[in-house]
Amino acid sequence: FTLDFAVIGWFRQAPGKEREGVSCINSSGRSTRY
């Protein structure tokens, strides 16, 4: 599959903690959030 058209994010989960959103990047790559 191609990732070209999908928004992609990163999460992390430390032991004993809830999942935390780390980053997001839109499909073009020109917009990011942290």
PDB file of all heavy atoms in Angstrom:
ATOM      1  N   PHE A   1       0.842  -1.181   0.000  1.00  0.00           N
ATOM      2  CA  PHE A   1       0.000   0.000   0.000  1.00  0.00           C
ATOM      3  C   PHE A   1       0.884   1.241   0.000  1.00  0.00           C
ATOM      4  O   PHE A   1       2.012   1.210   0.467  1.00  0.00           O
ATOM      5  CB  PHE A   1      -0.895   0.049   1.242  1.00  0.00           C
ATOM      6  CG  PHE A   1      -1.968  -1.004   1.273  1.00  0.00           C
ATOM      7  CD1 PHE A   1      -1.704  -2.265   1.816  1.00  0.00           C
ATOM      8  CD2 PHE A   1      -3.223  -0.745   0.773  1.00  0.00           C
ATOM      9  CE1 PHE A   1      -2.675  -3.234   1.845  1.00  0.00           C
ATOM     10  CE2 PHE A   1      -4.208  -1.709   0.804  1.00  0.00           C
ATOM     11  CZ  PHE A   1      -3.931  -2.960   1.340  1.00  0.00           C
ATOM     12  N   THR A   2       0.359   2.298  -0.524  1.00  0.00           N
ATOM     13  CA  THR A   2       1.088   3.553  -0.464  1.00  0.00           C
ATOM     14  C   THR A   2       0.611   4.381   0.727  1.00  0.00           C
ATOM     15  O   THR A   2      -0.579   4.402   1.045  1.00  0.00           O
ATOM     16  CB  THR A   2       0.915   4.366  -1.759  1.00  0.00           C
ATOM     17  OG1 THR A   2       1.608   5.613  -1.608  1.00  0.00           O
ATOM     18  CG2 THR A   2      -0.557   4.652  -2.040  1.00  0.00           C
ATOM     19  N   LEU A   3       1.572   5.025   1.363  1.00  0.00           N
ATOM     20  CA  LEU A   3       1.231   5.917   2.473  1.00  0.00           C
ATOM     21  C   LEU A   3       0.998   7.342   1.996  1.00  0.00           C
ATOM     22  O   LEU A   3       0.732   8.227   2.800  1.00  0.00           O
ATOM     23  CB  LEU A   3       2.352   5.911   3.518  1.00  0.00           C
ATOM     24  CG  LEU A   3       2.620   4.582   4.230  1.00  0.00           C
ATOM     25  CD1 LEU A   3       3.810   4.727   5.173  1.00  0.00           C
ATOM     26  CD2 LEU A   3       1.398   4.118   4.999  1.00  0.00           C
ATOM     27  N   ASP A   4       1.113   7.564   0.675  1.00  0.00           N
ATOM     28  CA  ASP A   4       1.115   8.920   0.129  1.00  0.00           C
ATOM     29  C   ASP A   4      -0.092   9.750   0.535  1.00  0.00           C
ATOM     30  O   ASP A   4       0.018  10.960   0.695  1.00  0.00           O
ATOM     31  CB  ASP A   4       1.180   8.875  -1.402  1.00  0.00           C
ATOM     32  CG  ASP A   4       2.551   8.520  -1.912  1.00  0.00           C
ATOM     33  OD1 ASP A   4       3.442   8.278  -1.076  1.00  0.00           O
ATOM     34  OD2 ASP A   4       2.726   8.478  -3.141  1.00  0.00           O
ATOM     35  N   PHE A   5      -1.259   9.118   0.654  1.00  0.00           N
ATOM     36  CA  PHE A   5      -2.486   9.890   0.844  1.00  0.00           C
ATOM     37  C   PHE A   5      -3.000   9.851   2.276  1.00  0.00           C
ATOM     38  O   PHE A   5      -4.068  10.382   2.574  1.00  0.00           O
ATOM     39  CB  PHE A   5      -3.563   9.382  -0.113  1.00  0.00           C
ATOM     40  CG  PHE A   5      -3.093   9.338  -1.536  1.00  0.00           C
ATOM     41  CD1 PHE A   5      -2.874   8.126  -2.166  1.00  0.00           C
ATOM     42  CD2 PHE A   5      -2.835  10.512  -2.226  1.00  0.00           C
ATOM     43  CE1 PHE A   5      -2.415   8.084  -3.469  1.00  0.00           C
ATOM     44  CE2 PHE A   5      -2.379  10.477  -3.531  1.00  0.00           C
ATOM     45  CZ  PHE A   5      -2.172   9.260  -4.158  1.00  0.00           C
ATOM     46  N   ALA A   6      -2.234   9.235   3.159  1.00  0.00           N
ATOM     47  CA  ALA A   6      -2.695   9.047   4.530  1.00  0.00           C
ATOM     48  C   ALA A   6      -2.001   9.990   5.502  1.00  0.00           C
ATOM     49  O   ALA A   6      -0.806  10.273   5.371  1.00  0.00           O
ATOM     50  CB  ALA A   6      -2.440   7.606   4.965  1.00  0.00           C
ATOM     51  N   VAL A   7      -2.762  10.448   6.469  1.00  0.00           N
ATOM     52  CA  VAL A   7      -2.152  11.158   7.580  1.00  0.00           C
ATOM     53  C   VAL A   7      -1.504  10.117   8.490  1.00  0.00           C
ATOM     54  O   VAL A   7      -2.072   9.046   8.725  1.00  0.00           O
ATOM     55  CB  VAL A   7      -3.209  12.006   8.330  1.00  0.00           C
ATOM     56  CG1 VAL A   7      -4.331  11.153   8.881  1.00  0.00           C
ATOM     57  CG2 VAL A   7      -2.557  12.821   9.429  1.00  0.00           C
ATOM     58  N   ILE A   8      -0.308  10.413   8.978  1.00  0.00           N
ATOM     59  CA  ILE A   8       0.460   9.469   9.767  1.00  0.00           C
ATOM     60  C   ILE A   8       0.835  10.105  11.109  1.00  0.00           C
ATOM     61  O   ILE A   8       1.237  11.268  11.158  1.00  0.00           O
ATOM     62  CB  ILE A   8       1.757   9.042   9.048  1.00  0.00           C
ATOM     63  CG1 ILE A   8       1.446   8.454   7.673  1.00  0.00           C
ATOM     64  CG2 ILE A   8       2.538   8.046   9.910  1.00  0.00           C
ATOM     65  CD1 ILE A   8       0.704   7.142   7.692  1.00  0.00           C
ATOM     66  N   GLY A   9       0.733   9.331  12.146  1.00  0.00           N
ATOM     67  CA  GLY A   9       1.105   9.819  13.466  1.00  0.00           C
ATOM     68  C   GLY A   9       2.048   8.867  14.173  1.00  0.00           C
ATOM     69  O   GLY A   9       2.276   7.736  13.721  1.00  0.00           O
ATOM     70  N   TRP A  10       2.600   9.349  15.263  1.00  0.00           N
ATOM     71  CA  TRP A  10       3.408   8.527  16.161  1.00  0.00           C
ATOM     72  C   TRP A  10       2.862   8.682  17.575  1.00  0.00           C
ATOM     73  O   TRP A  10       2.570   9.801  18.016  1.00  0.00           O
ATOM     74  CB  TRP A  10       4.875   8.952  16.142  1.00  0.00           C
ATOM     75  CG  TRP A  10       5.613   8.580  14.905  1.00  0.00           C
ATOM     76  CD1 TRP A  10       5.767   9.331  13.773  1.00  0.00           C
ATOM     77  CD2 TRP A  10       6.314   7.352  14.657  1.00  0.00           C
ATOM     78  NE1 TRP A  10       6.508   8.659  12.844  1.00  0.00           N
ATOM     79  CE2 TRP A  10       6.873   7.428  13.363  1.00  0.00           C
ATOM     80  CE3 TRP A  10       6.544   6.189  15.397  1.00  0.00           C
ATOM     81  CZ2 TRP A  10       7.623   6.405  12.793  1.00  0.00           C
ATOM     82  CZ3 TRP A  10       7.287   5.174  14.840  1.00  0.00           C
ATOM     83  CH2 TRP A  10       7.823   5.287  13.547  1.00  0.00           C
ATOM     84  N   PHE A  11       2.725   7.555  18.238  1.00  0.00           N
ATOM     85  CA  PHE A  11       2.352   7.521  19.641  1.00  0.00           C
ATOM     86  C   PHE A  11       3.432   6.781  20.402  1.00  0.00           C
ATOM     87  O   PHE A  11       4.255   6.073  19.821  1.00  0.00           O
ATOM     88  CB  PHE A  11       1.012   6.793  19.820  1.00  0.00           C
ATOM     89  CG  PHE A  11      -0.198   7.657  19.592  1.00  0.00           C
ATOM     90  CD1 PHE A  11      -0.493   8.136  18.328  1.00  0.00           C
ATOM     91  CD2 PHE A  11      -1.029   8.006  20.643  1.00  0.00           C
ATOM     92  CE1 PHE A  11      -1.600   8.938  18.111  1.00  0.00           C
ATOM     93  CE2 PHE A  11      -2.147   8.812  20.439  1.00  0.00           C
ATOM     94  CZ  PHE A  11      -2.424   9.277  19.172  1.00  0.00           C
ATOM     95  N   ARG A  12       3.401   6.917  21.699  1.00  0.00           N
ATOM     96  CA  ARG A  12       4.296   6.130  22.538  1.00  0.00           C
ATOM     97  C   ARG A  12       3.580   5.732  23.815  1.00  0.00           C
ATOM     98  O   ARG A  12       2.635   6.397  24.240  1.00  0.00           O
ATOM     99  CB  ARG A  12       5.575   6.899  22.862  1.00  0.00           C
ATOM    100  CG  ARG A  12       5.377   8.112  23.750  1.00  0.00           C
ATOM    101  CD  ARG A  12       6.716   8.833  23.941  1.00  0.00           C
ATOM    102  NE  ARG A  12       6.595   9.998  24.825  1.00  0.00           N
ATOM    103  CZ  ARG A  12       7.595  10.822  25.106  1.00  0.00           C
ATOM    104  NH1 ARG A  12       8.803  10.611  24.578  1.00  0.00           N
ATOM    105  NH2 ARG A  12       7.403  11.848  25.913  1.00  0.00           N
ATOM    106  N   GLN A  13       4.040   4.625  24.379  1.00  0.00           N
ATOM    107  CA  GLN A  13       3.467   4.165  25.639  1.00  0.00           C
ATOM    108  C   GLN A  13       4.582   3.668  26.539  1.00  0.00           C
ATOM    109  O   GLN A  13       5.278   2.702  26.206  1.00  0.00           O
ATOM    110  CB  GLN A  13       2.435   3.058  25.416  1.00  0.00           C
ATOM    111  CG  GLN A  13       1.695   2.677  26.686  1.00  0.00           C
ATOM    112  CD  GLN A  13       0.472   1.832  26.407  1.00  0.00           C
ATOM    113  OE1 GLN A  13       0.358   1.169  25.377  1.00  0.00           O
ATOM    114  NE2 GLN A  13      -0.476   1.847  27.343  1.00  0.00           N
ATOM    115  N   ALA A  14       4.739   4.349  27.642  1.00  0.00           N
ATOM    116  CA  ALA A  14       5.728   3.947  28.636  1.00  0.00           C
ATOM    117  C   ALA A  14       5.090   2.959  29.606  1.00  0.00           C
ATOM    118  O   ALA A  14       3.860   2.933  29.753  1.00  0.00           O
ATOM    119  CB  ALA A  14       6.230   5.177  29.389  1.00  0.00           C
ATOM    120  N   PRO A  15       5.888   2.152  30.269  1.00  0.00           N
ATOM    121  CA  PRO A  15       5.335   1.177  31.222  1.00  0.00           C
ATOM    122  C   PRO A  15       4.469   1.843  32.273  1.00  0.00           C
ATOM    123  O   PRO A  15       4.865   2.828  32.895  1.00  0.00           O
ATOM    124  CB  PRO A  15       6.593   0.562  31.848  1.00  0.00           C
ATOM    125  CG  PRO A  15       7.647   0.730  30.817  1.00  0.00           C
ATOM    126  CD  PRO A  15       7.344   2.036  30.144  1.00  0.00           C
ATOM    127  N   GLY A  16       3.264   1.317  32.426  1.00  0.00           N
ATOM    128  CA  GLY A  16       2.360   1.831  33.442  1.00  0.00           C
ATOM    129  C   GLY A  16       1.691   3.138  33.099  1.00  0.00           C
ATOM    130  O   GLY A  16       0.987   3.710  33.944  1.00  0.00           O
ATOM    131  N   LYS A  17       1.888   3.617  31.875  1.00  0.00           N
ATOM    132  CA  LYS A  17       1.302   4.896  31.477  1.00  0.00           C
ATOM    133  C   LYS A  17       0.401   4.732  30.271  1.00  0.00           C
ATOM    134  O   LYS A  17       0.484   3.743  29.549  1.00  0.00           O
ATOM    135  CB  LYS A  17       2.405   5.916  31.182  1.00  0.00           C
ATOM    136  CG  LYS A  17       3.242   6.287  32.392  1.00  0.00           C
ATOM    137  CD  LYS A  17       4.181   7.430  32.074  1.00  0.00           C
ATOM    138  CE  LYS A  17       4.960   7.855  33.317  1.00  0.00           C
ATOM    139  NZ  LYS A  17       5.861   9.001  33.020  1.00  0.00           N
ATOM    140  N   GLU A  18      -0.455   5.706  30.037  1.00  0.00           N
ATOM    141  CA  GLU A  18      -1.330   5.677  28.881  1.00  0.00           C
ATOM    142  C   GLU A  18      -0.562   6.057  27.617  1.00  0.00           C
ATOM    143  O   GLU A  18       0.492   6.684  27.668  1.00  0.00           O
ATOM    144  CB  GLU A  18      -2.500   6.646  29.088  1.00  0.00           C
ATOM    145  CG  GLU A  18      -3.427   6.253  30.221  1.00  0.00           C
ATOM    146  CD  GLU A  18      -4.647   7.143  30.287  1.00  0.00           C
ATOM    147  OE1 GLU A  18      -4.715   8.123  29.526  1.00  0.00           O
ATOM    148  OE2 GLU A  18      -5.524   6.855  31.113  1.00  0.00           O
ATOM    149  N   ARG A  19      -1.123   5.676  26.499  1.00  0.00           N
ATOM    150  CA  ARG A  19      -0.525   6.052  25.228  1.00  0.00           C
ATOM    151  C   ARG A  19      -0.566   7.564  25.051  1.00  0.00           C
ATOM    152  O   ARG A  19      -1.558   8.211  25.377  1.00  0.00           O
ATOM    153  CB  ARG A  19      -1.247   5.361  24.069  1.00  0.00           C
ATOM    154  CG  ARG A  19      -0.919   3.892  23.980  1.00  0.00           C
ATOM    155  CD  ARG A  19      -1.597   3.227  22.814  1.00  0.00           C
ATOM    156  NE  ARG A  19      -1.226   1.813  22.725  1.00  0.00           N
ATOM    157  CZ  ARG A  19      -1.682   0.964  21.834  1.00  0.00           C
ATOM    158  NH1 ARG A  19      -2.544   1.375  20.916  1.00  0.00           N
ATOM    159  NH2 ARG A  19      -1.290  -0.289  21.832  1.00  0.00           N
ATOM    160  N   GLU A  20       0.512   8.088  24.512  1.00  0.00           N
ATOM    161  CA  GLU A  20       0.662   9.533  24.350  1.00  0.00           C
ATOM    162  C   GLU A  20       0.931   9.855  22.885  1.00  0.00           C
ATOM    163  O   GLU A  20       1.823   9.271  22.273  1.00  0.00           O
ATOM    164  CB  GLU A  20       1.826  10.026  25.213  1.00  0.00           C
ATOM    165  CG  GLU A  20       2.174  11.482  25.032  1.00  0.00           C
ATOM    166  CD  GLU A  20       3.470  11.874  25.724  1.00  0.00           C
ATOM    167  OE1 GLU A  20       4.280  10.973  26.031  1.00  0.00           O
ATOM    168  OE2 GLU A  20       3.675  13.073  25.943  1.00  0.00           O
ATOM    169  N   GLY A  21       0.167  10.779  22.337  1.00  0.00           N
ATOM    170  CA  GLY A  21       0.430  11.217  20.981  1.00  0.00           C
ATOM    171  C   GLY A  21       1.710  12.029  20.928  1.00  0.00           C
ATOM    172  O   GLY A  21       1.903  12.939  21.737  1.00  0.00           O
ATOM    173  N   VAL A  22       2.592  11.703  19.989  1.00  0.00           N
ATOM    174  CA  VAL A  22       3.889  12.372  19.872  1.00  0.00           C
ATOM    175  C   VAL A  22       3.897  13.344  18.696  1.00  0.00           C
ATOM    176  O   VAL A  22       4.333  14.493  18.833  1.00  0.00           O
ATOM    177  CB  VAL A  22       5.021  11.343  19.709  1.00  0.00           C
ATOM    178  CG1 VAL A  22       6.355  12.043  19.500  1.00  0.00           C
ATOM    179  CG2 VAL A  22       5.068  10.411  20.914  1.00  0.00           C
ATOM    180  N   SER A  23       3.417  12.886  17.533  1.00  0.00           N
ATOM    181  CA  SER A  23       3.488  13.735  16.351  1.00  0.00           C
ATOM    182  C   SER A  23       2.441  13.324  15.338  1.00  0.00           C
ATOM    183  O   SER A  23       1.882  12.223  15.397  1.00  0.00           O
ATOM    184  CB  SER A  23       4.873  13.660  15.705  1.00  0.00           C
ATOM    185  OG  SER A  23       5.077  12.376  15.143  1.00  0.00           O
ATOM    186  N   CYS A  24       2.229  14.232  14.387  1.00  0.00           N
ATOM    187  CA  CYS A  24       1.318  13.972  13.277  1.00  0.00           C
ATOM    188  C   CYS A  24       1.872  14.684  12.048  1.00  0.00           C
ATOM    189  O   CYS A  24       2.397  15.802  12.160  1.00  0.00           O
ATOM    190  CB  CYS A  24      -0.081  14.475  13.614  1.00  0.00           C
ATOM    191  SG  CYS A  24      -1.304  14.230  12.317  1.00  0.00           S
ATOM    192  N   ILE A  25       1.746  14.037  10.886  1.00  0.00           N
ATOM    193  CA  ILE A  25       2.167  14.669   9.646  1.00  0.00           C
ATOM    194  C   ILE A  25       1.091  14.434   8.598  1.00  0.00           C
ATOM    195  O   ILE A  25       0.572  13.311   8.463  1.00  0.00           O
ATOM    196  CB  ILE A  25       3.543  14.135   9.176  1.00  0.00           C
ATOM    197  CG1 ILE A  25       4.039  14.910   7.944  1.00  0.00           C
ATOM    198  CG2 ILE A  25       3.505  12.636   8.916  1.00  0.00           C
ATOM    199  CD1 ILE A  25       5.509  14.650   7.622  1.00  0.00           C
ATOM    200  N   ASN A  26       0.739  15.475   7.863  1.00  0.00           N
ATOM    201  CA  ASN A  26      -0.329  15.312   6.877  1.00  0.00           C
ATOM    202  C   ASN A  26       0.191  14.609   5.630  1.00  0.00           C
ATOM    203  O   ASN A  26       1.382  14.305   5.507  1.00  0.00           O
ATOM    204  CB  ASN A  26      -0.977  16.663   6.561  1.00  0.00           C
ATOM    205  CG  ASN A  26      -0.109  17.556   5.697  1.00  0.00           C
ATOM    206  OD1 ASN A  26       1.086  17.336   5.552  1.00  0.00           O
ATOM    207  ND2 ASN A  26      -0.715  18.582   5.134  1.00  0.00           N
ATOM    208  N   SER A  27      -0.683  14.350   4.694  1.00  0.00           N
ATOM    209  CA  SER A  27      -0.312  13.523   3.550  1.00  0.00           C
ATOM    210  C   SER A  27       0.750  14.185   2.672  1.00  0.00           C
ATOM    211  O   SER A  27       1.585  13.494   2.086  1.00  0.00           O
ATOM    212  CB  SER A  27      -1.547  13.179   2.714  1.00  0.00           C
ATOM    213  OG  SER A  27      -2.164  14.362   2.231  1.00  0.00           O
ATOM    214  N   SER A  28       0.735  15.491   2.579  1.00  0.00           N
ATOM    215  CA  SER A  28       1.726  16.171   1.737  1.00  0.00           C
ATOM    216  C   SER A  28       3.078  16.286   2.424  1.00  0.00           C
ATOM    217  O   SER A  28       4.095  16.522   1.778  1.00  0.00           O
ATOM    218  CB  SER A  28       1.225  17.564   1.362  1.00  0.00           C
ATOM    219  OG  SER A  28       1.259  18.428   2.484  1.00  0.00           O
ATOM    220  N   GLY A  29       3.082  16.178   3.744  1.00  0.00           N
ATOM    221  CA  GLY A  29       4.310  16.360   4.505  1.00  0.00           C
ATOM    222  C   GLY A  29       4.592  17.801   4.872  1.00  0.00           C
ATOM    223  O   GLY A  29       5.592  18.091   5.531  1.00  0.00           O
ATOM    224  N   ARG A  30       3.711  18.699   4.460  1.00  0.00           N
ATOM    225  CA  ARG A  30       3.973  20.123   4.686  1.00  0.00           C
ATOM    226  C   ARG A  30       3.382  20.634   5.988  1.00  0.00           C
ATOM    227  O   ARG A  30       3.617  21.793   6.371  1.00  0.00           O
ATOM    228  CB  ARG A  30       3.433  20.934   3.512  1.00  0.00           C
ATOM    229  CG  ARG A  30       4.230  20.734   2.231  1.00  0.00           C
ATOM    230  CD  ARG A  30       3.863  21.780   1.187  1.00  0.00           C
ATOM    231  NE  ARG A  30       2.520  21.573   0.661  1.00  0.00           N
ATOM    232  CZ  ARG A  30       2.281  20.869  -0.455  1.00  0.00           C
ATOM    233  NH1 ARG A  30       3.281  20.314  -1.115  1.00  0.00           N
ATOM    234  NH2 ARG A  30       1.052  20.726  -0.906  1.00  0.00           N
ATOM    235  N   SER A  31       2.616  19.833   6.664  1.00  0.00           N
ATOM    236  CA  SER A  31       2.026  20.242   7.934  1.00  0.00           C
ATOM    237  C   SER A  31       2.288  19.187   8.986  1.00  0.00           C
ATOM    238  O   SER A  31       2.020  18.005   8.770  1.00  0.00           O
ATOM    239  CB  SER A  31       0.523  20.458   7.767  1.00  0.00           C
ATOM    240  OG  SER A  31      -0.071  20.810   9.001  1.00  0.00           O
ATOM    241  N   THR A  32       2.822  19.627  10.110  1.00  0.00           N
ATOM    242  CA  THR A  32       3.129  18.710  11.208  1.00  0.00           C
ATOM    243  C   THR A  32       2.616  19.278  12.522  1.00  0.00           C
ATOM    244  O   THR A  32       2.444  20.492  12.673  1.00  0.00           O
ATOM    245  CB  THR A  32       4.647  18.467  11.332  1.00  0.00           C
ATOM    246  OG1 THR A  32       5.303  19.732  11.499  1.00  0.00           O
ATOM    247  CG2 THR A  32       5.204  17.767  10.109  1.00  0.00           C
ATOM    248  N   ARG A  33       2.400  18.384  13.466  1.00  0.00           N
ATOM    249  CA  ARG A  33       2.020  18.765  14.814  1.00  0.00           C
ATOM    250  C   ARG A  33       2.787  17.908  15.798  1.00  0.00           C
ATOM    251  O   ARG A  33       3.089  16.749  15.515  1.00  0.00           O
ATOM    252  CB  ARG A  33       0.514  18.602  15.023  1.00  0.00           C
ATOM    253  CG  ARG A  33      -0.315  19.471  14.102  1.00  0.00           C
ATOM    254  CD  ARG A  33      -1.724  19.602  14.579  1.00  0.00           C
ATOM    255  NE  ARG A  33      -2.525  20.433  13.670  1.00  0.00           N
ATOM    256  CZ  ARG A  33      -3.771  20.762  13.894  1.00  0.00           C
ATOM    257  NH1 ARG A  33      -4.386  20.344  14.982  1.00  0.00           N
ATOM    258  NH2 ARG A  33      -4.431  21.512  13.034  1.00  0.00           N
ATOM    259  N   TYR A  34       3.069  18.496  16.958  1.00  0.00           N
ATOM    260  CA  TYR A  34       3.852  17.795  17.964  1.00  0.00           C
ATOM    261  C   TYR A  34       3.258  18.006  19.347  1.00  0.00           C
ATOM    262  O   TYR A  34       2.657  19.046  19.635  1.00  0.00           O
ATOM    263  CB  TYR A  34       5.297  18.304  17.970  1.00  0.00           C
ATOM    264  CG  TYR A  34       6.016  18.116  16.672  1.00  0.00           C
ATOM    265  CD1 TYR A  34       6.186  19.184  15.786  1.00  0.00           C
ATOM    266  CD2 TYR A  34       6.515  16.871  16.302  1.00  0.00           C
ATOM    267  CE1 TYR A  34       6.834  19.013  14.579  1.00  0.00           C
ATOM    268  CE2 TYR A  34       7.163  16.695  15.098  1.00  0.00           C
ATOM    269  CZ  TYR A  34       7.325  17.769  14.240  1.00  0.00           C
ATOM    270  OH  TYR A  34       7.970  17.589  13.049  1.00  0.00           O
TER     271      TYR A  34
END
